[in-house]
C-alpha atoms as a PDB file:
ATOM      1  CA  MET A   1      89.276 125.650 108.612  1.00  0.00           C
ATOM      2  CA  LYS A   2      89.544 123.876 112.018  1.00  0.00           C
ATOM      3  CA  GLN A   3      91.493 121.004 111.832  1.00  0.00           C
ATOM      4  CA  LEU A   4      90.443 117.070 112.900  1.00  0.00           C
ATOM      5  CA  VAL A   5      91.917 113.415 113.187  1.00  0.00           C
ATOM      6  CA  LEU A   6      89.907 110.891 112.042  1.00  0.00           C
ATOM      7  CA  ALA A   7      90.683 107.667 114.003  1.00  0.00           C
ATOM      8  CA  SER A   8      90.160 105.609 111.546  1.00  0.00           C
ATOM      9  CA  GLY A   9      91.761 104.287 108.458  1.00  0.00           C
ATOM     10  CA  ASN A  10      89.095 103.827 106.671  1.00  0.00           C
ATOM     11  CA  PRO A  11      88.862 105.223 103.285  1.00  0.00           C
ATOM     12  CA  GLY A  12      85.068 105.135 103.023  1.00  0.00           C
ATOM     13  CA  LYS A  13      84.748 106.386 106.443  1.00  0.00           C
ATOM     14  CA  LEU A  14      87.039 109.002 105.617  1.00  0.00           C
ATOM     15  CA  ARG A  15      85.164 110.466 102.644  1.00  0.00           C
ATOM     16  CA  GLU A  16      81.270 110.212 103.885  1.00  0.00           C
ATOM     17  CA  LEU A  17      82.412 112.124 107.410  1.00  0.00           C
ATOM     18  CA  ALA A  18      84.818 114.623 105.498  1.00  0.00           C
ATOM     19  CA  ARG A  19      81.983 115.396 103.137  1.00  0.00           C
ATOM     20  CA  ILE A  20      79.124 116.470 106.165  1.00  0.00           C
ATOM     21  CA  LEU A  21      82.245 118.510 108.012  1.00  0.00           C
ATOM     22  CA  ASP A  22      83.504 120.224 105.004  1.00  0.00           C
ATOM     23  CA  ASP A  23      80.391 122.823 105.552  1.00  0.00           C
ATOM     24  CA  LEU A  24      80.907 123.639 108.801  1.00  0.00           C
ATOM     25  CA  GLY A  25      84.713 124.706 108.343  1.00  0.00           C
ATOM     26  CA  TYR A  26      86.061 121.498 109.816  1.00  0.00           C
ATOM     27  CA  GLU A  27      89.045 119.731 107.722  1.00  0.00           C
ATOM     28  CA  LEU A  28      89.239 116.277 108.367  1.00  0.00           C
ATOM     29  CA  HIS A  29      92.383 114.272 108.646  1.00  0.00           C
ATOM     30  CA  PRO A  30      93.293 110.446 108.979  1.00  0.00           C
ATOM     31  CA  GLN A  31      95.113 109.174 111.687  1.00  0.00           C
ATOM     32  CA  SER A  32      97.604 107.719 108.865  1.00  0.00           C
ATOM     33  CA  GLU A  33      99.129 110.874 107.982  1.00  0.00           C
ATOM     34  CA  PHE A  34     100.597 111.253 111.422  1.00  0.00           C
ATOM     35  CA  ASP A  35     101.494 108.015 111.885  1.00  0.00           C
ATOM     36  CA  VAL A  36      99.021 107.158 114.094  1.00  0.00           C
ATOM     37  CA  PRO A  37      98.726 103.155 114.479  1.00  0.00           C
ATOM     38  CA  GLU A  38      95.624 101.619 115.305  1.00  0.00           C
ATOM     39  CA  VAL A  39      94.511 100.823 119.269  1.00  0.00           C
ATOM     40  CA  ALA A  40      93.102  97.825 119.682  1.00  0.00           C
ATOM     41  CA  GLU A  41      88.950  98.234 120.330  1.00  0.00           C
ATOM     42  CA  THR A  42      88.781  96.506 123.913  1.00  0.00           C
ATOM     43  CA  GLY A  43      85.471  97.653 124.662  1.00  0.00           C
ATOM     44  CA  THR A  44      82.144  95.686 124.368  1.00  0.00           C
ATOM     45  CA  THR A  45      79.901  98.628 123.188  1.00  0.00           C
ATOM     46  CA  PHE A  46      80.643 100.946 120.531  1.00  0.00           C
ATOM     47  CA  VAL A  47      80.932 103.995 123.394  1.00  0.00           C
ATOM     48  CA  GLU A  48      83.863 102.693 124.746  1.00  0.00           C
ATOM     49  CA  ASN A  49      84.942 101.537 121.616  1.00  0.00           C
ATOM     50  CA  ALA A  50      84.973 104.636 120.402  1.00  0.00           C
ATOM     51  CA  ILE A  51      86.367 106.421 123.501  1.00  0.00           C
ATOM     52  CA  ILE A  52      89.100 104.218 122.962  1.00  0.00           C
ATOM     53  CA  LYS A  53      89.720 105.553 119.650  1.00  0.00           C
ATOM     54  CA  ALA A  54      89.821 109.021 120.017  1.00  0.00           C
ATOM     55  CA  ARG A  55      91.503 109.421 122.902  1.00  0.00           C
ATOM     56  CA  HIS A  56      94.283 107.679 121.097  1.00  0.00           C
ATOM     57  CA  ALA A  57      94.843 109.746 118.619  1.00  0.00           C
ATOM     58  CA  ALA A  58      94.116 112.912 120.656  1.00  0.00           C
ATOM     59  CA  ALA A  59      96.846 111.504 122.549  1.00  0.00           C
ATOM     60  CA  LEU A  60      99.648 111.118 119.482  1.00  0.00           C
ATOM     61  CA  THR A  61      98.258 113.885 117.225  1.00  0.00           C
ATOM     62  CA  GLN A  62      97.497 117.015 119.885  1.00  0.00           C
ATOM     63  CA  LEU A  63      94.926 117.421 118.017  1.00  0.00           C
ATOM     64  CA  PRO A  64      90.789 117.215 118.647  1.00  0.00           C
ATOM     65  CA  ALA A  65      89.806 113.717 116.979  1.00  0.00           C
ATOM     66  CA  LEU A  66      86.919 112.216 115.985  1.00  0.00           C
ATOM     67  CA  ALA A  67      86.154 108.387 116.008  1.00  0.00           C
ATOM     68  CA  ASP A  68      82.856 106.004 115.448  1.00  0.00           C
ATOM     69  CA  ASP A  69      82.428 102.749 115.977  1.00  0.00           C
ATOM     70  CA  SER A  70      79.334 101.248 114.087  1.00  0.00           C
ATOM     71  CA  GLY A  71      78.417  98.319 112.493  1.00  0.00           C
ATOM     72  CA  ILE A  72      75.583  95.453 111.896  1.00  0.00           C
ATOM     73  CA  GLU A  73      73.017  94.023 114.908  1.00  0.00           C
ATOM     74  CA  VAL A  74      71.047  91.354 113.312  1.00  0.00           C
ATOM     75  CA  ASP A  75      68.144  89.930 115.530  1.00  0.00           C
ATOM     76  CA  ALA A  76      68.438  85.972 114.659  1.00  0.00           C
ATOM     77  CA  LEU A  77      72.070  86.386 115.201  1.00  0.00           C
ATOM     78  CA  ASP A  78      71.358  87.784 118.768  1.00  0.00           C
ATOM     79  CA  GLY A  79      73.036  91.448 117.850  1.00  0.00           C
ATOM     80  CA  ALA A  80      75.924  89.973 116.976  1.00  0.00           C
ATOM     81  CA  PRO A  81      78.277  90.938 114.848  1.00  0.00           C
ATOM     82  CA  GLY A  82      77.794  94.252 117.047  1.00  0.00           C
ATOM     83  CA  VAL A  83      81.181  95.602 117.942  1.00  0.00           C
ATOM     84  CA  TYR A  84      82.574  92.812 115.889  1.00  0.00           C
ATOM     85  CA  SER A  85      81.640  93.664 112.879  1.00  0.00           C
ATOM     86  CA  ALA A  86      84.563  94.934 111.176  1.00  0.00           C
ATOM     87  CA  ARG A  87      86.160  91.415 112.345  1.00  0.00           C
ATOM     88  CA  PHE A  88      83.348  89.524 111.839  1.00  0.00           C
ATOM     89  CA  ALA A  89      85.433  86.381 110.337  1.00  0.00           C
ATOM     90  CA  GLY A  90      88.738  87.181 112.186  1.00  0.00           C
ATOM     91  CA  SER A  91      90.758  89.747 112.579  1.00  0.00           C
ATOM     92  CA  ASP A  92      92.391  90.105 109.090  1.00  0.00           C
ATOM     93  CA  ALA A  93      88.486  90.225 107.776  1.00  0.00           C
ATOM     94  CA  ASP A  94      87.761  92.119 104.959  1.00  0.00           C
ATOM     95  CA  ASP A  95      84.254  92.952 103.557  1.00  0.00           C
ATOM     96  CA  ALA A  96      83.622  89.943 100.968  1.00  0.00           C
ATOM     97  CA  SER A  97      84.629  87.313 104.075  1.00  0.00           C
ATOM     98  CA  ASN A  98      82.526  89.022 106.731  1.00  0.00           C
ATOM     99  CA  ASN A  99      79.472  89.603 103.625  1.00  0.00           C
ATOM    100  CA  ALA A 100      80.085  85.713 103.421  1.00  0.00           C
ATOM    101  CA  LEU A 101      79.850  84.777 106.741  1.00  0.00           C
ATOM    102  CA  LEU A 102      76.676  86.491 107.519  1.00  0.00           C
ATOM    103  CA  VAL A 103      75.063  85.251 104.907  1.00  0.00           C
ATOM    104  CA  GLU A 104      76.056  81.592 105.779  1.00  0.00           C
ATOM    105  CA  LYS A 105      75.022  82.059 109.526  1.00  0.00           C
ATOM    106  CA  LEU A 106      71.402  83.635 107.920  1.00  0.00           C
ATOM    107  CA  GLY A 107      70.979  81.077 105.165  1.00  0.00           C
ATOM    108  CA  ALA A 108      68.245  79.331 107.007  1.00  0.00           C
ATOM    109  CA  VAL A 109      66.849  82.096 108.339  1.00  0.00           C
ATOM    110  CA  PRO A 110      63.198  83.261 107.268  1.00  0.00           C
ATOM    111  CA  ALA A 111      63.441  86.694 105.870  1.00  0.00           C
ATOM    112  CA  GLU A 112      60.993  87.828 107.467  1.00  0.00           C
ATOM    113  CA  ARG A 113      62.594  86.965 110.427  1.00  0.00           C
ATOM    114  CA  ARG A 114      66.333  88.603 109.353  1.00  0.00           C
ATOM    115  CA  ASN A 115      65.767  92.501 110.565  1.00  0.00           C
ATOM    116  CA  ALA A 116      68.737  94.372 111.342  1.00  0.00           C
ATOM    117  CA  ARG A 117      69.840  98.067 112.240  1.00  0.00           C
ATOM    118  CA  TYR A 118      73.218  99.992 110.810  1.00  0.00           C
ATOM    119  CA  ARG A 119      74.575 101.765 114.979  1.00  0.00           C
ATOM    120  CA  ALA A 120      77.363 104.261 114.661  1.00  0.00           C
ATOM    121  CA  VAL A 121      78.212 106.403 117.821  1.00  0.00           C
ATOM    122  CA  ILE A 122      80.660 109.348 117.323  1.00  0.00           C
ATOM    123  CA  VAL A 123      82.806 110.529 119.665  1.00  0.00           C
ATOM    124  CA  LEU A 124      84.319 114.053 119.514  1.00  0.00           C
ATOM    125  CA  MET A 125      87.500 114.790 121.940  1.00  0.00           C
ATOM    126  CA  ARG A 126      88.831 118.359 122.663  1.00  0.00           C
ATOM    127  CA  HIS A 127      92.410 116.184 123.908  1.00  0.00           C
ATOM    128  CA  ALA A 128      92.912 112.983 125.521  1.00  0.00           C
ATOM    129  CA  GLY A 129      92.275 113.866 128.501  1.00  0.00           C
ATOM    130  CA  ASP A 130      88.856 115.380 128.063  1.00  0.00           C
ATOM    131  CA  PRO A 131      86.683 114.571 130.678  1.00  0.00           C
ATOM    132  CA  SER A 132      83.010 115.607 128.518  1.00  0.00           C
ATOM    133  CA  PRO A 133      83.795 114.340 125.451  1.00  0.00           C
ATOM    134  CA  LEU A 134      80.509 115.038 122.591  1.00  0.00           C
ATOM    135  CA  ILE A 135      78.951 111.110 121.957  1.00  0.00           C
ATOM    136  CA  CYS A 136      76.474 111.657 118.984  1.00  0.00           C
ATOM    137  CA  GLU A 137      74.271 108.148 118.303  1.00  0.00           C
ATOM    138  CA  GLY A 138      72.463 107.037 115.857  1.00  0.00           C
ATOM    139  CA  SER A 139      70.350 103.804 114.570  1.00  0.00           C
ATOM    140  CA  TRP A 140      69.080 102.655 111.057  1.00  0.00           C
ATOM    141  CA  GLU A 141      66.384  99.658 110.739  1.00  0.00           C
ATOM    142  CA  GLY A 142      66.788  97.634 107.946  1.00  0.00           C
ATOM    143  CA  MET A 143      66.373  93.499 106.822  1.00  0.00           C
ATOM    144  CA  ILE A 144      69.477  91.496 105.387  1.00  0.00           C
ATOM    145  CA  GLN A 145      69.412  89.900 102.238  1.00  0.00           C
ATOM    146  CA  LEU A 146      71.221  87.062 101.243  1.00  0.00           C
ATOM    147  CA  GLN A 147      72.038  88.350  97.733  1.00  0.00           C
ATOM    148  CA  PRO A 148      73.884  91.578  97.220  1.00  0.00           C
ATOM    149  CA  ALA A 149      72.970  95.194  95.181  1.00  0.00           C
ATOM    150  CA  GLY A 150      74.544  97.729  94.417  1.00  0.00           C
ATOM    151  CA  ASP A 151      78.317  99.268  93.892  1.00  0.00           C
ATOM    152  CA  GLY A 152      77.905 102.365  96.700  1.00  0.00           C
ATOM    153  CA  GLY A 153      78.989 101.983 100.278  1.00  0.00           C
ATOM    154  CA  PHE A 154      81.090  99.932 101.902  1.00  0.00           C
ATOM    155  CA  GLY A 155      81.200  96.916 104.569  1.00  0.00           C
ATOM    156  CA  TYR A 156      77.407  95.487 104.798  1.00  0.00           C
ATOM    157  CA  ASP A 157      75.824  97.807 102.610  1.00  0.00           C
ATOM    158  CA  PRO A 158      75.512  95.883  99.853  1.00  0.00           C
ATOM    159  CA  TYR A 159      72.620  93.182 102.008  1.00  0.00           C
ATOM    160  CA  PHE A 160      71.492  95.980 103.808  1.00  0.00           C
ATOM    161  CA  TYR A 161      68.092  96.253 102.750  1.00  0.00           C
ATOM    162  CA  LEU A 162      65.196  98.950 103.314  1.00  0.00           C
ATOM    163  CA  PRO A 163      61.951  97.900 102.719  1.00  0.00           C
ATOM    164  CA  GLU A 164      60.473 101.153 102.664  1.00  0.00           C
ATOM    165  CA  LEU A 165      62.889 102.505  99.950  1.00  0.00           C
ATOM    166  CA  GLY A 166      62.501  98.506  98.404  1.00  0.00           C
ATOM    167  CA  CYS A 167      66.482  98.302  98.185  1.00  0.00           C
ATOM    168  CA  THR A 168      69.899  98.149 100.236  1.00  0.00           C
ATOM    169  CA  SER A 169      72.159 100.647 100.913  1.00  0.00           C
ATOM    170  CA  ALA A 170      74.170 100.366  98.534  1.00  0.00           C
ATOM    171  CA  GLN A 171      72.288 101.135  96.118  1.00  0.00           C
ATOM    172  CA  LEU A 172      71.425 105.052  97.561  1.00  0.00           C
ATOM    173  CA  SER A 173      73.276 108.032  96.295  1.00  0.00           C
ATOM    174  CA  SER A 174      75.860 109.259  98.422  1.00  0.00           C
ATOM    175  CA  ASP A 175      73.549 112.540  99.474  1.00  0.00           C
ATOM    176  CA  GLU A 176      70.503 109.782 100.194  1.00  0.00           C
ATOM    177  CA  LYS A 177      72.952 107.885 102.305  1.00  0.00           C
ATOM    178  CA  ASN A 178      74.114 110.403 104.306  1.00  0.00           C
ATOM    179  CA  ARG A 179      71.081 112.090 104.870  1.00  0.00           C
ATOM    180  CA  LEU A 180      69.003 108.350 106.261  1.00  0.00           C
ATOM    181  CA  SER A 181      72.144 106.304 108.009  1.00  0.00           C
ATOM    182  CA  HIS A 182      72.550 106.125 110.702  1.00  0.00           C
ATOM    183  CA  ARG A 183      76.350 107.927 110.490  1.00  0.00           C
ATOM    184  CA  GLY A 184      74.456 110.666 109.172  1.00  0.00           C
ATOM    185  CA  GLN A 185      71.831 110.722 112.097  1.00  0.00           C
ATOM    186  CA  ALA A 186      74.731 110.468 114.713  1.00  0.00           C
ATOM    187  CA  LEU A 187      76.832 113.405 112.224  1.00  0.00           C
ATOM    188  CA  ASN A 188      74.032 115.231 111.819  1.00  0.00           C
ATOM    189  CA  GLU A 189      73.233 115.529 116.188  1.00  0.00           C
ATOM    190  CA  LEU A 190      77.216 116.604 115.851  1.00  0.00           C
ATOM    191  CA  LYS A 191      77.049 118.897 113.814  1.00  0.00           C
ATOM    192  CA  ARG A 192      74.385 120.452 115.667  1.00  0.00           C
ATOM    193  CA  ARG A 193      76.188 120.735 118.604  1.00  0.00           C
ATOM    194  CA  LEU A 194      79.200 121.568 117.045  1.00  0.00           C
ATOM    195  CA  THR A 195      77.015 124.900 116.151  1.00  0.00           C
ATOM    196  CA  GLU A 196      76.613 125.437 119.675  1.00  0.00           C
ATOM    197  CA  GLN A 197      80.512 125.468 121.328  1.00  0.00           C
ATOM    198  CA  SER A 198      83.038 126.230 119.949  1.00  0.00           C
ATOM    199  CA  VAL A 199      85.694 123.222 119.544  1.00  0.00           C
END
């Protein structure tokens, strides 16, 4: 198995990414196995933050590093929370506090104006100085509902409603979510590109 380090300590991301990459012969390890600390996400875009995280993990582990930066963009909030999705309610925010703030901000917004999308960028750096990292992107359109539904997934999933399916992303099976989601789209692009070149 080829070794990759995931520049994240998020167990939900690790499960999703490891499951998808396993059949390509890649063994994904969280950066915490190597005592790699979190790095400040100082970028203003998902691409910038993913590169910062991947470069940091690659430098400290001497392994190829995979990083994703993803979040939810709500049109009625001018694209917020965007790159601040994980810390929408503050630097120590958790899923519950982030979701509570989102619902609070959208409480007076009519349902038809609560359009949103999940966006994901995945970066693979072969080494810390990689001048041309692989950059793959995906987006997933939906709406924000004000009541949670479903107990799968993580983050904003219980509030991210998919009109064409009549459910939230938290109500999908893991396989269905991986097939449809923003991260699934970006990973499928990554898989396609990984089969074309050696990392």
